[in-house]
Amino acid sequence: METAAHQVASHTDHYGAVTHEVINQPHELADYNLYSSDRPLAEAVTRENAQWAENDLADFGARIGTSDYLDLGAQANRNLPEYDTHDRYGRRVDLVRFHPSYHQLMKTSIEEGLHSSPWTDPRPGAHVARAARFYMHSQVEAGHGCPITMTFAATPALKLQPEIAKEWLPKILARSYDPRNVPADEKDGITIGMAMTEKQGGSDVRANTTRAIPIRTEGPGQPYELVGHKFFVSAPMCDAFLVLAQAPGGLSCFLVPRWKPDGTKNPLQVLRLKKKMGNASNASSETELRGALGWMIGEEGRGVPTIIEMVAMTRFDCMIGSSAGMRMALAQAIDHCSQRAAFGRLLIDQPIMTNVLADLALESEAALTLTMRIARALDDRADPHEANLIRIGTAIGKYWICKRTPSVATEAMECIGGSGVMEDGPMPRLFRESPVNAIWEGSGNVQCLDVLRAMGKSPETLEAYFAEVGKAEGGNATLDAHIDDLRADMRNAGDFELRARNLVDRLATGLQASLLVRHAPAYVAEAFCASRLASQGAHQYGALPKGVDCRTIVERARGRGFSCPSLRETGRSWPKAG
C-alpha cells in the first residue's frame, strides 16, 4: 500500500525528478547517555569505590550526549586556533584565539572539576570519578583535554614549593574558566601548561640547552631569567607553564607566567602554532624565552624528578583519552551496524561482523578496566602496593592502550564503510586523534624503557605487578600459563632492552586479562584470554576463536541508549545470544 507521501510524490512528479527516498541509512548517534549506555564504565565506577558519584555521572553523560553538545567537538576542530603576535597598535600580545565551541568545552571541564576535583575533594574514589568524567568528555572532543590535563597534573609538582603553591593553587584549583589574555591577578581561575621539549633532544630532556640565570639568590623558590627555545609548548594560551631549564646547578624546573607581577608581558614569545595531524582544536606552539621571569620549583638540579610528578599524571590522562577514543569508535561502529543492512541482513546480525565488533568491544573494555584500576590506585597512594602499581602500571598502560587505539579507530571506520571516511562524520577526527597519545608524554619506546627502569631501580614494582595479577590465579588456565612464562622470562635480564616491547606487551595483556578475569563477565574474560594470550603474534580484529560468544559481548558493549531509529521503525528488536 502506498503511503500518503508516495501518493503526493506520484501526483506531483510527472517527469520522474524525484529519484528515490533515503532508506537503509543510519541516523546519527546522538541524544544518548554516555554513562548509562556504557556498562563497563558504570560497573568500574561502582567497583573502584566511586559509587557515590553515579547519579552525577549519569546526569553528566546525558548532558554531553545531546546532539547540540556533541556538535561542539566537531565545531572546535573545524574552526582551528588562530594566533596573533601583536595587537593592531604593535604591542606584543601572543594571543591565541579560539572558536566559541572550544571555550564551551573548556568551561564545562573546568566547572566539572576535571582539572582539580581529586585535589579539592580527596575522598575515596575521587580519582575514579574524575577519570569517568574525563573519559566521557574526551569522547566528545579530545583536544581541549590537553590544558585540562596539564592544569590537573601541575598541582602535585607545585606543592613541592609551598610558598609558590600557596599563591598559585587557589586559582589553579578554582572552578572558574577565564580565557582572557590578562595577568593572573585579574582572574578567578587559571590554567597551566608545560614546556619541556627542545628540538635537539626531544624526549631526552637532559639535552636541553635553555638557560636559567638567577636574578638574585639561587635556589628553590627564587626568581630566574630563562633564555632558550622550546620546540613544543602545549597550550600556549595557559596562564603559566612548568619549564625545564639548565640552572647553574643543573637541569631544574621553573614556573613561568605569561605576565609578570608588575602587569607587563613576560618575554615568553610564541613563534608559531604547530600544524598537527590530529589534536587540531588544541594549540601547540614553538616558543622562545627571551629573559622570561620564572621561579624555581623543587631542588636545583632536580628538574626531572620534580616535573615527573606532573608527567605521571599526564601519562595517566593519556590512558583515559585513548580509552575514550576506543569507546567512541566502538560506539559509532555498533550504532551504524545496528541500522545498516547489506545482503538481506543487518550488519550486526552477520557473524563475520559480529566477530569484529565483539573483538573491538574486548579491546575497549580491557583498556577501560586497566585505566580505572590505576585510577583507584591513585586514590590510595599511601598503600605501598598501590604506589608501586602506579609506578609500573601507568607506564605499561600508557604504552599499550595508546598503542592499540589507532588499530581500533581504523577497524571501526572500516565497519562503517565509505561513509566512515567522510569528513562530515566523526570517524576521520577520531582516526587522526588516535596516534596522538602514543606520542604525547613519551612515545612507546620511552614507556618501555621506563618500565625497565622501574624494574631495575625498584624491584618492588615488579613484585607489585605479580601480586596484582596473582589475584586472578586459578581463574583462567591460559592466564596462569601466561603469567608463569612472564615470571620465567624476568629471571634473565641480560637482553631486556632488546626485548622490551615484547615484555611490556605481555605485561600489559597479562594485567588486562587478570582484571577481566576478576571483574568482567566470564564470556568477556575467556574471550580476551583466548584471543590475546593463547595466540602469539599480531592480533587481527575479527579473528576471535570458535566458542566465543560474540553476540553477547556486542550486546554488552552496545548498552542502553544508543539511537537506532531504523529498528524502532521496523519493530525489530536486538537479537539475544543463542
Protein backbone atom coordinates (compact mmCIF):
# COMPACT_ATOMS: atom_id res chain seq x y z
CA MET A 1 0.00 0.00 0.00
CA GLU A 2 1.28 3.43 -0.94
CA THR A 3 1.78 5.97 1.81
CA ALA A 4 0.37 9.49 1.54
CA ALA A 5 3.88 10.74 0.83
CA HIS A 6 4.22 8.28 -2.05
CA GLN A 7 0.84 9.37 -3.46
CA VAL A 8 1.81 13.05 -3.30
CA ALA A 9 5.15 12.31 -4.93
CA SER A 10 3.48 10.28 -7.70
CA HIS A 11 0.98 13.08 -8.31
CA THR A 12 3.49 15.88 -8.48
CA ASP A 13 6.48 14.13 -10.03
CA HIS A 14 5.31 13.98 -13.65
CA TYR A 15 8.80 13.87 -15.09
CA GLY A 16 10.49 11.49 -12.68
CA ALA A 17 12.52 14.20 -10.99
CA VAL A 18 12.13 12.57 -7.61
CA THR A 19 14.52 9.67 -7.92
CA HIS A 20 14.16 7.93 -4.57
CA GLU A 21 13.61 8.18 -0.87
CA VAL A 22 16.52 7.67 1.53
CA ILE A 23 16.40 4.20 3.03
CA ASN A 24 18.90 1.93 4.74
CA GLN A 25 20.94 4.86 6.00
CA PRO A 26 21.69 5.19 9.73
CA HIS A 27 20.67 8.08 11.88
CA GLU A 28 23.41 9.97 13.69
CA LEU A 29 24.50 8.62 17.06
CA ALA A 30 23.28 11.42 19.30
CA ASP A 31 20.92 12.17 22.15
CA TYR A 32 22.09 9.25 24.26
CA ASN A 33 23.65 8.95 27.71
CA LEU A 34 27.38 8.33 27.56
CA TYR A 35 27.30 6.88 31.07
CA SER A 36 24.23 4.66 31.21
CA SER A 37 24.94 3.27 27.72
CA ASP A 38 28.39 2.12 28.84
CA ARG A 39 28.02 -0.93 31.10
CA PRO A 40 31.78 -1.49 31.65
CA LEU A 41 32.13 2.13 32.76
CA ALA A 42 29.22 2.01 35.19
CA GLU A 43 30.48 -1.26 36.64
CA ALA A 44 34.01 0.13 37.03
CA VAL A 45 32.77 3.23 38.84
CA THR A 46 30.96 1.07 41.39
CA ARG A 47 33.76 -1.47 41.69
CA GLU A 48 36.53 1.08 42.17
CA ASN A 49 34.88 2.97 45.06
CA ALA A 50 33.15 5.85 43.26
CA GLN A 51 29.56 4.63 43.56
CA TRP A 52 28.75 7.89 45.37
CA ALA A 53 29.21 9.69 42.04
CA GLU A 54 26.86 7.51 39.95
CA ASN A 55 23.92 9.92 39.79
CA ASP A 56 26.11 12.90 38.93
CA LEU A 57 27.95 10.88 36.28
CA ALA A 58 24.66 9.78 34.72
CA ASP A 59 23.46 13.38 34.64
CA PHE A 60 26.74 14.45 33.05
CA GLY A 61 26.57 11.63 30.50
CA ALA A 62 23.08 12.69 29.45
CA ARG A 63 24.02 16.37 29.19
CA ILE A 64 27.06 15.87 26.97
CA GLY A 65 25.37 13.21 24.82
CA THR A 66 22.88 15.62 23.26
CA SER A 67 23.16 16.39 19.59
CA ASP A 68 23.97 20.04 20.22
CA TYR A 69 26.70 19.27 22.71
CA LEU A 70 28.32 16.56 20.58
CA ASP A 71 28.45 19.11 17.77
CA LEU A 72 30.75 21.28 19.86
CA GLY A 73 33.52 18.74 19.26
CA ALA A 74 33.08 18.95 15.50
CA GLN A 75 32.94 22.74 15.56
CA ALA A 76 36.07 23.07 17.68
CA ASN A 77 38.01 21.01 15.14
CA ARG A 78 36.62 22.74 12.05
CA ASN A 79 37.49 26.19 13.40
CA LEU A 80 41.15 25.96 14.33
CA PRO A 81 43.04 28.20 16.74
CA GLU A 82 44.50 31.40 15.34
CA TYR A 83 47.48 33.31 16.63
CA ASP A 84 48.39 37.00 16.78
CA THR A 85 51.89 38.06 17.81
CA HIS A 86 50.95 41.73 18.22
CA ASP A 87 47.80 43.82 18.53
CA ARG A 88 46.91 46.33 15.84
CA TYR A 89 48.91 49.02 17.62
CA GLY A 90 52.14 47.00 17.58
CA ARG A 91 52.14 45.78 21.18
CA ARG A 92 53.30 42.20 21.79
CA VAL A 93 50.29 40.12 22.92
CA ASP A 94 50.96 36.45 21.99
CA LEU A 95 47.21 35.95 21.70
CA VAL A 96 45.69 32.60 20.72
CA ARG A 97 42.08 32.90 19.57
CA PHE A 98 39.61 30.00 19.68
CA HIS A 99 36.13 29.28 18.38
CA PRO A 100 33.32 29.64 20.98
CA SER A 101 32.78 25.86 20.87
CA TYR A 102 36.26 25.30 22.30
CA HIS A 103 35.59 27.73 25.11
CA GLN A 104 32.34 25.95 25.95
CA LEU A 105 34.15 22.62 26.18
CA MET A 106 36.79 24.17 28.43
CA LYS A 107 34.14 25.83 30.57
CA THR A 108 32.34 22.52 31.10
CA SER A 109 35.57 20.71 32.01
CA ILE A 110 36.60 23.38 34.49
CA GLU A 111 33.17 23.66 36.08
CA GLU A 112 33.01 19.86 36.42
CA GLY A 113 36.36 19.87 38.17
CA LEU A 114 38.22 17.74 35.61
CA HIS A 115 41.29 19.85 36.41
CA SER A 116 41.01 19.72 40.18
CA SER A 117 38.38 17.52 41.84
CA PRO A 118 40.70 14.87 43.40
CA TRP A 119 42.79 17.67 44.95
CA THR A 120 39.87 19.72 46.27
CA ASP A 121 37.70 16.76 47.37
CA PRO A 122 40.13 13.91 48.13
CA ARG A 123 37.63 11.27 49.19
CA PRO A 124 37.76 7.53 48.31
CA GLY A 125 37.04 7.14 44.60
CA ALA A 126 37.85 10.78 43.76
CA HIS A 127 40.32 9.89 41.00
CA VAL A 128 37.92 7.24 39.71
CA ALA A 129 35.02 9.69 39.44
CA ARG A 130 37.25 12.27 37.79
CA ALA A 131 38.57 9.67 35.34
CA ALA A 132 34.99 8.69 34.43
CA ARG A 133 34.08 12.31 33.68
CA PHE A 134 37.27 12.85 31.67
CA TYR A 135 36.64 9.61 29.77
CA MET A 136 33.15 10.69 28.75
CA HIS A 137 34.06 14.27 27.89
CA SER A 138 37.04 13.13 25.80
CA GLN A 139 34.63 11.16 23.63
CA VAL A 140 33.01 14.46 22.71
CA GLU A 141 36.32 16.19 21.96
CA ALA A 142 39.90 15.26 22.81
CA GLY A 143 42.00 18.35 22.05
CA HIS A 144 40.73 20.59 24.84
CA GLY A 145 41.78 17.89 27.28
CA CYS A 146 45.42 18.96 26.91
CA PRO A 147 45.27 22.14 29.06
CA ILE A 148 42.83 20.41 31.42
CA THR A 149 45.29 17.55 31.93
CA MET A 150 48.28 19.81 32.47
CA THR A 151 46.44 22.03 34.92
CA PHE A 152 45.36 18.91 36.81
CA ALA A 153 48.86 17.45 36.76
CA ALA A 154 50.64 20.65 37.81
CA THR A 155 49.24 20.57 41.34
CA PRO A 156 51.47 17.79 42.78
CA ALA A 157 54.58 19.43 41.29
CA LEU A 158 53.77 22.90 42.62
CA LYS A 159 53.16 21.53 46.10
CA LEU A 160 56.90 20.80 46.23
CA GLN A 161 57.37 24.57 46.58
CA PRO A 162 54.88 25.54 49.33
CA GLU A 163 55.24 29.33 49.17
CA ILE A 164 54.55 29.34 45.43
CA ALA A 165 51.78 26.78 45.77
CA LYS A 166 50.08 29.00 48.36
CA GLU A 167 49.98 31.86 45.87
CA TRP A 168 49.01 29.94 42.73
CA LEU A 169 46.97 26.89 43.72
CA PRO A 170 43.75 28.68 44.78
CA LYS A 171 43.29 29.93 41.23
CA ILE A 172 44.54 26.74 39.61
CA LEU A 173 42.00 24.70 41.58
CA ALA A 174 39.10 27.13 41.14
CA ARG A 175 36.15 26.01 39.00
CA SER A 176 36.18 29.23 37.04
CA TYR A 177 37.18 29.40 33.39
CA ASP A 178 38.60 32.72 32.18
CA PRO A 179 40.26 32.61 28.74
CA ARG A 180 41.32 36.27 28.69
CA ASN A 181 44.95 37.10 27.95
CA VAL A 182 45.47 39.16 31.11
CA PRO A 183 47.63 38.81 34.25
CA ALA A 184 46.66 36.00 36.61
CA ASP A 185 45.94 38.53 39.35
CA GLU A 186 42.94 39.72 37.33
CA LYS A 187 41.39 36.22 37.10
CA ASP A 188 39.48 33.95 39.45
CA GLY A 189 40.67 30.80 37.66
CA ILE A 190 43.77 29.97 35.61
CA THR A 191 45.27 27.12 33.59
CA ILE A 192 48.81 25.70 33.49
CA GLY A 193 50.84 24.42 30.54
CA MET A 194 54.17 22.66 30.11
CA ALA A 195 57.38 23.46 28.23
CA MET A 196 59.85 20.59 28.34
CA THR A 197 60.83 19.56 24.82
CA GLU A 198 63.62 21.11 22.76
CA LYS A 199 64.47 20.36 19.16
CA GLN A 200 67.90 18.84 19.80
CA GLY A 201 66.74 16.41 22.48
CA GLY A 202 63.04 15.57 22.22
CA SER A 203 62.29 13.05 24.95
CA ASP A 204 65.92 13.36 26.12
CA VAL A 205 65.24 16.45 28.22
CA ARG A 206 68.69 16.30 29.84
CA ALA A 207 69.98 17.55 26.47
CA ASN A 208 68.03 20.81 26.98
CA THR A 209 70.04 24.00 26.48
CA THR A 210 67.58 26.61 27.75
CA ARG A 211 69.44 28.54 30.48
CA ALA A 212 68.13 29.87 33.78
CA ILE A 213 70.13 32.79 35.22
CA PRO A 214 69.49 33.71 38.86
CA ILE A 215 68.33 37.28 39.36
CA ARG A 216 69.48 37.43 42.97
CA THR A 217 69.85 34.39 45.21
CA GLU A 218 69.99 30.88 43.72
CA GLY A 219 67.77 28.05 44.86
CA PRO A 220 64.18 26.81 45.26
CA GLY A 221 61.50 29.48 45.12
CA GLN A 222 63.93 32.11 43.80
CA PRO A 223 63.42 34.16 40.60
CA TYR A 224 65.43 33.45 37.46
CA GLU A 225 65.55 34.74 33.90
CA LEU A 226 65.15 31.99 31.30
CA VAL A 227 66.70 32.15 27.84
CA GLY A 228 66.14 29.47 25.20
CA HIS A 229 63.90 27.85 22.62
CA LYS A 230 61.16 25.31 23.31
CA PHE A 231 60.12 23.23 20.31
CA PHE A 232 56.82 22.04 21.82
CA VAL A 233 54.91 24.18 24.27
CA SER A 234 51.50 22.70 24.81
CA ALA A 235 48.60 25.08 25.19
CA PRO A 236 50.40 28.46 24.89
CA MET A 237 47.17 30.23 25.95
CA CYS A 238 47.65 28.97 29.51
CA ASP A 239 48.43 31.46 32.26
CA ALA A 240 51.72 29.88 33.35
CA PHE A 241 53.99 26.97 32.44
CA LEU A 242 56.22 24.45 34.12
CA VAL A 243 59.52 24.75 32.24
CA LEU A 244 62.75 22.76 32.33
CA ALA A 245 65.95 24.81 32.04
CA GLN A 246 69.63 24.50 32.90
CA ALA A 247 70.39 26.38 36.12
CA PRO A 248 73.99 26.73 37.39
CA GLY A 249 73.41 23.58 39.46
CA GLY A 250 71.90 21.54 36.64
CA LEU A 251 68.54 20.92 34.96
CA SER A 252 65.78 22.43 37.10
CA CYS A 253 62.06 23.11 37.00
CA PHE A 254 60.54 26.62 36.88
CA LEU A 255 57.10 28.20 36.97
CA VAL A 256 56.97 30.80 34.18
CA PRO A 257 53.86 33.04 33.92
CA ARG A 258 52.61 34.74 30.75
CA TRP A 259 52.56 38.06 32.59
CA LYS A 260 54.96 39.45 35.19
CA PRO A 261 53.74 40.51 38.65
CA ASP A 262 54.05 44.17 37.63
CA GLY A 263 51.48 43.63 34.86
CA THR A 264 53.93 43.69 31.94
CA LYS A 265 54.18 40.96 29.31
CA ASN A 266 56.68 38.24 30.19
CA PRO A 267 59.01 37.66 27.19
CA LEU A 268 57.70 34.14 26.61
CA GLN A 269 57.13 34.63 22.89
CA VAL A 270 55.26 32.23 20.64
CA LEU A 271 56.92 31.85 17.23
CA ARG A 272 54.19 29.79 15.59
CA LEU A 273 51.40 27.33 16.21
CA LYS A 274 52.17 23.78 15.20
CA LYS A 275 50.25 22.24 12.29
CA LYS A 276 49.25 18.85 13.63
CA MET A 277 47.65 15.84 12.02
CA GLY A 278 45.31 15.39 14.99
CA ASN A 279 44.53 17.22 18.23
CA ALA A 280 43.66 20.11 15.94
CA SER A 281 41.44 22.06 18.32
CA ASN A 282 44.27 22.41 20.81
CA ALA A 283 47.00 24.96 20.21
CA SER A 284 50.56 23.64 20.39
CA SER A 285 53.40 26.06 19.81
CA GLU A 286 57.07 26.72 19.27
CA THR A 287 58.18 29.34 21.76
CA GLU A 288 61.23 31.40 22.69
CA LEU A 289 62.08 32.57 26.18
CA ARG A 290 63.93 35.88 25.94
CA GLY A 291 64.80 36.53 29.54
CA ALA A 292 61.42 35.29 30.79
CA LEU A 293 60.85 35.52 34.54
CA GLY A 294 60.37 32.22 36.35
CA TRP A 295 60.62 30.79 39.87
CA MET A 296 62.45 27.57 40.67
CA ILE A 297 60.20 24.69 41.77
CA GLY A 298 61.88 21.99 43.83
CA GLU A 299 65.59 21.47 44.27
CA GLU A 300 68.17 22.85 41.86
CA GLY A 301 69.43 20.18 39.51
CA ARG A 302 66.38 18.00 40.27
CA GLY A 303 64.17 19.27 37.47
CA VAL A 304 63.31 15.86 36.04
CA PRO A 305 62.20 14.29 39.35
CA THR A 306 60.21 17.46 40.06
CA ILE A 307 58.34 17.57 36.79
CA ILE A 308 57.89 13.78 36.81
CA GLU A 309 55.22 14.48 39.41
CA MET A 310 53.38 16.22 36.59
CA VAL A 311 54.29 13.75 33.85
CA ALA A 312 52.96 10.77 35.83
CA MET A 313 49.53 12.38 35.87
CA THR A 314 49.57 13.46 32.23
CA ARG A 315 50.54 9.91 31.21
CA PHE A 316 47.58 8.58 33.14
CA ASP A 317 45.30 11.00 31.31
CA CYS A 318 46.72 9.69 28.03
CA MET A 319 45.39 6.29 29.12
CA ILE A 320 41.98 7.82 29.76
CA GLY A 321 41.96 9.73 26.48
CA SER A 322 42.93 6.71 24.37
CA SER A 323 40.38 4.52 26.16
CA ALA A 324 37.79 7.20 25.37
CA GLY A 325 38.78 7.21 21.70
CA MET A 326 38.33 3.43 21.58
CA ARG A 327 34.92 3.70 23.19
CA MET A 328 33.62 6.35 20.82
CA ALA A 329 34.93 4.48 17.76
CA LEU A 330 33.26 1.30 19.03
CA ALA A 331 30.01 3.13 19.78
CA GLN A 332 29.94 4.59 16.27
CA ALA A 333 30.60 1.19 14.68
CA ILE A 334 27.95 -0.66 16.72
CA ASP A 335 25.35 2.04 16.16
CA HIS A 336 25.98 2.04 12.41
CA CYS A 337 25.88 -1.74 12.12
CA SER A 338 22.66 -1.87 14.16
CA GLN A 339 20.91 0.22 11.49
CA ARG A 340 22.61 -0.66 8.21
CA ALA A 341 21.60 -3.73 6.20
CA ALA A 342 23.53 -5.49 3.44
CA PHE A 343 22.84 -8.70 1.57
CA GLY A 344 19.47 -9.05 3.23
CA ARG A 345 20.53 -8.72 6.89
CA LEU A 346 21.54 -6.04 9.33
CA LEU A 347 25.32 -5.88 9.50
CA ILE A 348 25.28 -6.55 13.22
CA ASP A 349 23.48 -9.89 12.61
CA GLN A 350 26.17 -11.16 10.24
CA PRO A 351 28.60 -13.47 12.05
CA ILE A 352 31.74 -12.05 10.48
CA MET A 353 30.77 -8.51 11.51
CA THR A 354 29.61 -9.64 14.94
CA ASN A 355 33.07 -11.15 15.44
CA VAL A 356 34.76 -7.85 14.52
CA LEU A 357 32.52 -5.78 16.80
CA ALA A 358 32.96 -8.21 19.68
CA ASP A 359 36.72 -8.06 19.25
CA LEU A 360 36.70 -4.27 19.31
CA ALA A 361 34.49 -4.39 22.39
CA LEU A 362 37.02 -6.60 24.16
CA GLU A 363 39.82 -4.15 23.37
CA SER A 364 37.76 -1.22 24.62
CA GLU A 365 36.66 -2.88 27.86
CA ALA A 366 40.17 -4.11 28.64
CA ALA A 367 41.56 -0.60 28.16
CA LEU A 368 38.92 0.96 30.39
CA THR A 369 39.27 -1.70 33.09
CA LEU A 370 43.03 -1.17 33.38
CA THR A 371 42.63 2.61 33.34
CA MET A 372 40.08 2.58 36.14
CA ARG A 373 42.23 0.21 38.21
CA ILE A 374 45.08 2.72 38.05
CA ALA A 375 42.59 5.47 38.98
CA ARG A 376 41.73 3.55 42.15
CA ALA A 377 45.42 3.13 42.90
CA LEU A 378 45.83 6.92 42.67
CA ASP A 379 43.15 7.24 45.34
CA ASP A 380 45.23 5.11 47.71
CA ARG A 381 48.85 6.06 47.06
CA ALA A 382 49.74 5.71 50.74
CA ASP A 383 49.45 1.94 50.31
CA PRO A 384 52.86 0.61 49.13
CA HIS A 385 51.26 -1.93 46.78
CA GLU A 386 49.14 0.76 45.14
CA ALA A 387 52.06 3.17 44.86
CA ASN A 388 54.26 0.54 43.21
CA LEU A 389 51.43 -0.49 40.91
CA ILE A 390 51.06 3.13 39.79
CA ARG A 391 54.79 3.34 39.10
CA ILE A 392 54.89 0.35 36.76
CA GLY A 393 51.24 0.12 35.72
CA THR A 394 50.97 3.67 34.38
CA ALA A 395 53.91 3.17 32.03
CA ILE A 396 52.56 -0.24 30.93
CA GLY A 397 49.06 1.13 30.41
CA LYS A 398 50.16 4.31 28.69
CA TYR A 399 52.26 2.31 26.25
CA TRP A 400 49.76 -0.43 25.49
CA ILE A 401 46.41 1.34 25.47
CA CYS A 402 47.67 4.29 23.46
CA LYS A 403 49.42 1.95 21.03
CA ARG A 404 46.21 -0.05 20.43
CA THR A 405 43.90 2.88 19.79
CA PRO A 406 44.81 3.56 16.12
CA SER A 407 44.00 -0.01 15.13
CA VAL A 408 40.61 0.24 16.86
CA ALA A 409 39.86 3.51 15.05
CA THR A 410 40.85 2.00 11.71
CA GLU A 411 38.74 -1.12 12.15
CA ALA A 412 35.72 0.86 13.36
CA MET A 413 36.00 3.10 10.33
CA GLU A 414 36.04 0.01 8.11
CA CYS A 415 32.89 -1.29 9.84
CA ILE A 416 31.13 1.89 8.77
CA GLY A 417 32.49 1.67 5.24
CA GLY A 418 32.72 4.53 2.79
CA SER A 419 30.68 6.86 4.99
CA GLY A 420 33.24 6.38 7.74
CA VAL A 421 35.90 8.12 5.66
CA MET A 422 33.82 11.23 5.02
CA GLU A 423 34.87 14.42 6.79
CA ASP A 424 31.29 15.35 7.67
CA GLY A 425 31.22 12.45 10.13
CA PRO A 426 33.21 11.84 13.34
CA MET A 427 35.45 8.99 12.22
CA PRO A 428 38.20 10.94 10.42
CA ARG A 429 38.65 13.09 13.52
CA LEU A 430 38.80 10.01 15.75
CA PHE A 431 41.30 8.42 13.37
CA ARG A 432 43.59 11.48 13.28
CA GLU A 433 43.41 11.77 17.03
CA SER A 434 44.15 8.08 17.66
CA PRO A 435 48.01 8.15 17.43
CA VAL A 436 48.47 11.34 19.44
CA ASN A 437 48.52 9.94 22.97
CA ALA A 438 51.01 7.25 21.97
CA ILE A 439 53.50 10.08 21.25
CA TRP A 440 52.48 12.71 23.82
CA GLU A 441 54.24 12.44 27.20
CA GLY A 442 56.80 9.95 25.95
CA SER A 443 56.49 7.61 22.98
CA GLY A 444 56.27 3.83 23.09
CA ASN A 445 60.00 3.19 23.46
CA VAL A 446 60.22 5.76 26.26
CA GLN A 447 57.43 4.00 28.16
CA CYS A 448 59.04 0.58 27.70
CA LEU A 449 62.39 1.88 28.93
CA ASP A 450 60.58 3.44 31.88
CA VAL A 451 59.14 0.03 32.76
CA LEU A 452 62.63 -1.48 32.63
CA ARG A 453 63.96 1.39 34.74
CA ALA A 454 61.25 0.83 37.35
CA MET A 455 62.02 -2.89 37.46
CA GLY A 456 65.76 -2.25 37.82
CA LYS A 457 65.74 0.58 40.35
CA SER A 458 62.69 -0.51 42.31
CA PRO A 459 62.23 -4.30 42.13
CA GLU A 460 59.20 -3.93 44.40
CA THR A 461 57.30 -2.52 41.40
CA LEU A 462 57.59 -5.85 39.58
CA GLU A 463 56.62 -7.61 42.79
CA ALA A 464 53.52 -5.41 42.92
CA TYR A 465 52.72 -6.36 39.33
CA PHE A 466 52.85 -10.09 40.03
CA ALA A 467 50.93 -9.63 43.28
CA GLU A 468 48.20 -7.85 41.34
CA VAL A 469 47.90 -10.39 38.52
CA GLY A 470 48.18 -13.16 41.11
CA LYS A 471 44.79 -12.15 42.48
CA ALA A 472 43.28 -13.87 39.43
CA GLU A 473 45.28 -17.09 39.85
CA GLY A 474 43.21 -20.15 39.11
CA GLY A 475 40.54 -18.15 37.28
CA ASN A 476 41.78 -19.00 33.78
CA ALA A 477 44.33 -21.63 32.79
CA THR A 478 45.58 -19.63 29.80
CA LEU A 479 46.23 -16.61 32.01
CA ASP A 480 48.03 -18.74 34.60
CA ALA A 481 50.35 -20.12 31.90
CA HIS A 482 50.94 -16.61 30.55
CA ILE A 483 51.99 -15.31 33.96
CA ASP A 484 54.25 -18.34 34.56
CA ASP A 485 56.03 -17.64 31.27
CA LEU A 486 56.45 -13.98 32.24
CA ARG A 487 57.98 -14.92 35.58
CA ALA A 488 60.45 -17.22 33.84
CA ASP A 489 61.45 -14.54 31.33
CA MET A 490 62.07 -11.99 34.09
CA ARG A 491 64.88 -14.13 35.51
CA ASN A 492 67.15 -13.30 32.57
CA ALA A 493 67.71 -9.54 32.43
CA GLY A 494 70.66 -9.67 30.06
CA ASP A 495 68.83 -8.53 26.93
CA PHE A 496 65.85 -6.76 28.49
CA GLU A 497 66.19 -3.64 26.36
CA LEU A 498 66.24 -5.62 23.12
CA ARG A 499 63.11 -7.49 24.23
CA ALA A 500 61.47 -4.51 25.95
CA ARG A 501 58.47 -4.20 23.69
CA ASN A 502 57.75 -7.91 23.75
CA LEU A 503 57.97 -7.96 27.54
CA VAL A 504 55.77 -4.88 28.03
CA ASP A 505 53.24 -6.19 25.51
CA ARG A 506 52.88 -9.32 27.59
CA LEU A 507 52.89 -7.45 30.89
CA ALA A 508 50.03 -5.31 29.55
CA THR A 509 47.86 -8.11 28.23
CA GLY A 510 48.52 -10.15 31.36
CA LEU A 511 47.42 -7.27 33.60
CA GLN A 512 44.33 -6.60 31.50
CA ALA A 513 43.42 -10.28 31.41
CA SER A 514 43.78 -10.66 35.18
CA LEU A 515 41.49 -7.69 35.80
CA LEU A 516 38.88 -9.03 33.37
CA VAL A 517 39.02 -12.50 34.93
CA ARG A 518 38.35 -10.93 38.32
CA HIS A 519 35.74 -8.36 37.35
CA ALA A 520 34.18 -8.90 33.90
CA PRO A 521 31.57 -11.48 32.88
CA ALA A 522 33.14 -14.87 32.16
CA TYR A 523 32.32 -14.64 28.45
CA VAL A 524 34.36 -11.42 28.22
CA ALA A 525 37.34 -12.65 30.22
CA GLU A 526 37.54 -16.01 28.47
CA ALA A 527 37.32 -14.42 25.03
CA PHE A 528 40.09 -11.95 25.90
CA CYS A 529 42.40 -14.66 27.23
CA ALA A 530 41.74 -16.94 24.25
CA SER A 531 42.41 -14.21 21.70
CA ARG A 532 45.18 -12.18 23.39
CA LEU A 533 47.11 -14.74 25.41
CA ALA A 534 46.62 -18.15 23.78
CA SER A 535 47.68 -16.96 20.33
CA GLN A 536 51.05 -15.37 19.58
CA GLY A 537 51.88 -12.53 17.23
CA ALA A 538 49.79 -9.73 15.83
CA HIS A 539 46.12 -9.83 16.58
CA GLN A 540 43.75 -9.19 13.68
CA TYR A 541 40.39 -7.86 14.79
CA GLY A 542 37.56 -10.18 13.84
CA ALA A 543 39.57 -13.35 14.38
CA LEU A 544 38.11 -14.37 17.72
CA PRO A 545 38.29 -18.15 18.03
CA LYS A 546 35.45 -20.63 17.86
CA GLY A 547 33.39 -20.81 21.02
CA VAL A 548 33.47 -17.09 21.84
CA ASP A 549 30.00 -15.68 22.50
CA CYS A 550 30.41 -12.74 20.13
CA ARG A 551 26.78 -11.69 20.13
CA THR A 552 26.58 -11.37 23.91
CA ILE A 553 29.83 -9.40 24.00
CA VAL A 554 28.47 -6.96 21.43
CA GLU A 555 25.19 -6.67 23.32
CA ARG A 556 27.13 -5.76 26.45
CA ALA A 557 29.12 -3.10 24.57
CA ARG A 558 26.01 -1.75 22.87
CA GLY A 559 24.49 -0.98 26.24
CA ARG A 560 21.39 1.11 26.59
CA GLY A 561 20.51 4.35 24.93
CA PHE A 562 22.13 4.17 21.51
CA SER A 563 19.91 5.62 18.86
CA CYS A 564 18.53 3.03 16.47
CA PRO A 565 15.57 4.66 14.73
CA SER A 566 15.53 2.12 11.93
CA LEU A 567 14.99 -0.71 14.40
CA ARG A 568 12.19 1.13 16.10
CA GLU A 569 10.55 1.90 12.79
CA THR A 570 10.58 -1.71 11.72
CA GLY A 571 9.59 -3.02 15.12
CA ARG A 572 12.69 -5.21 15.10
CA SER A 573 14.46 -5.97 18.36
CA TRP A 574 18.08 -6.73 19.15
CA PRO A 575 18.69 -10.48 18.85
CA LYS A 576 19.55 -12.37 22.00
CA ALA A 577 22.55 -14.64 22.19
CA GLY A 578 21.79 -18.16 21.17
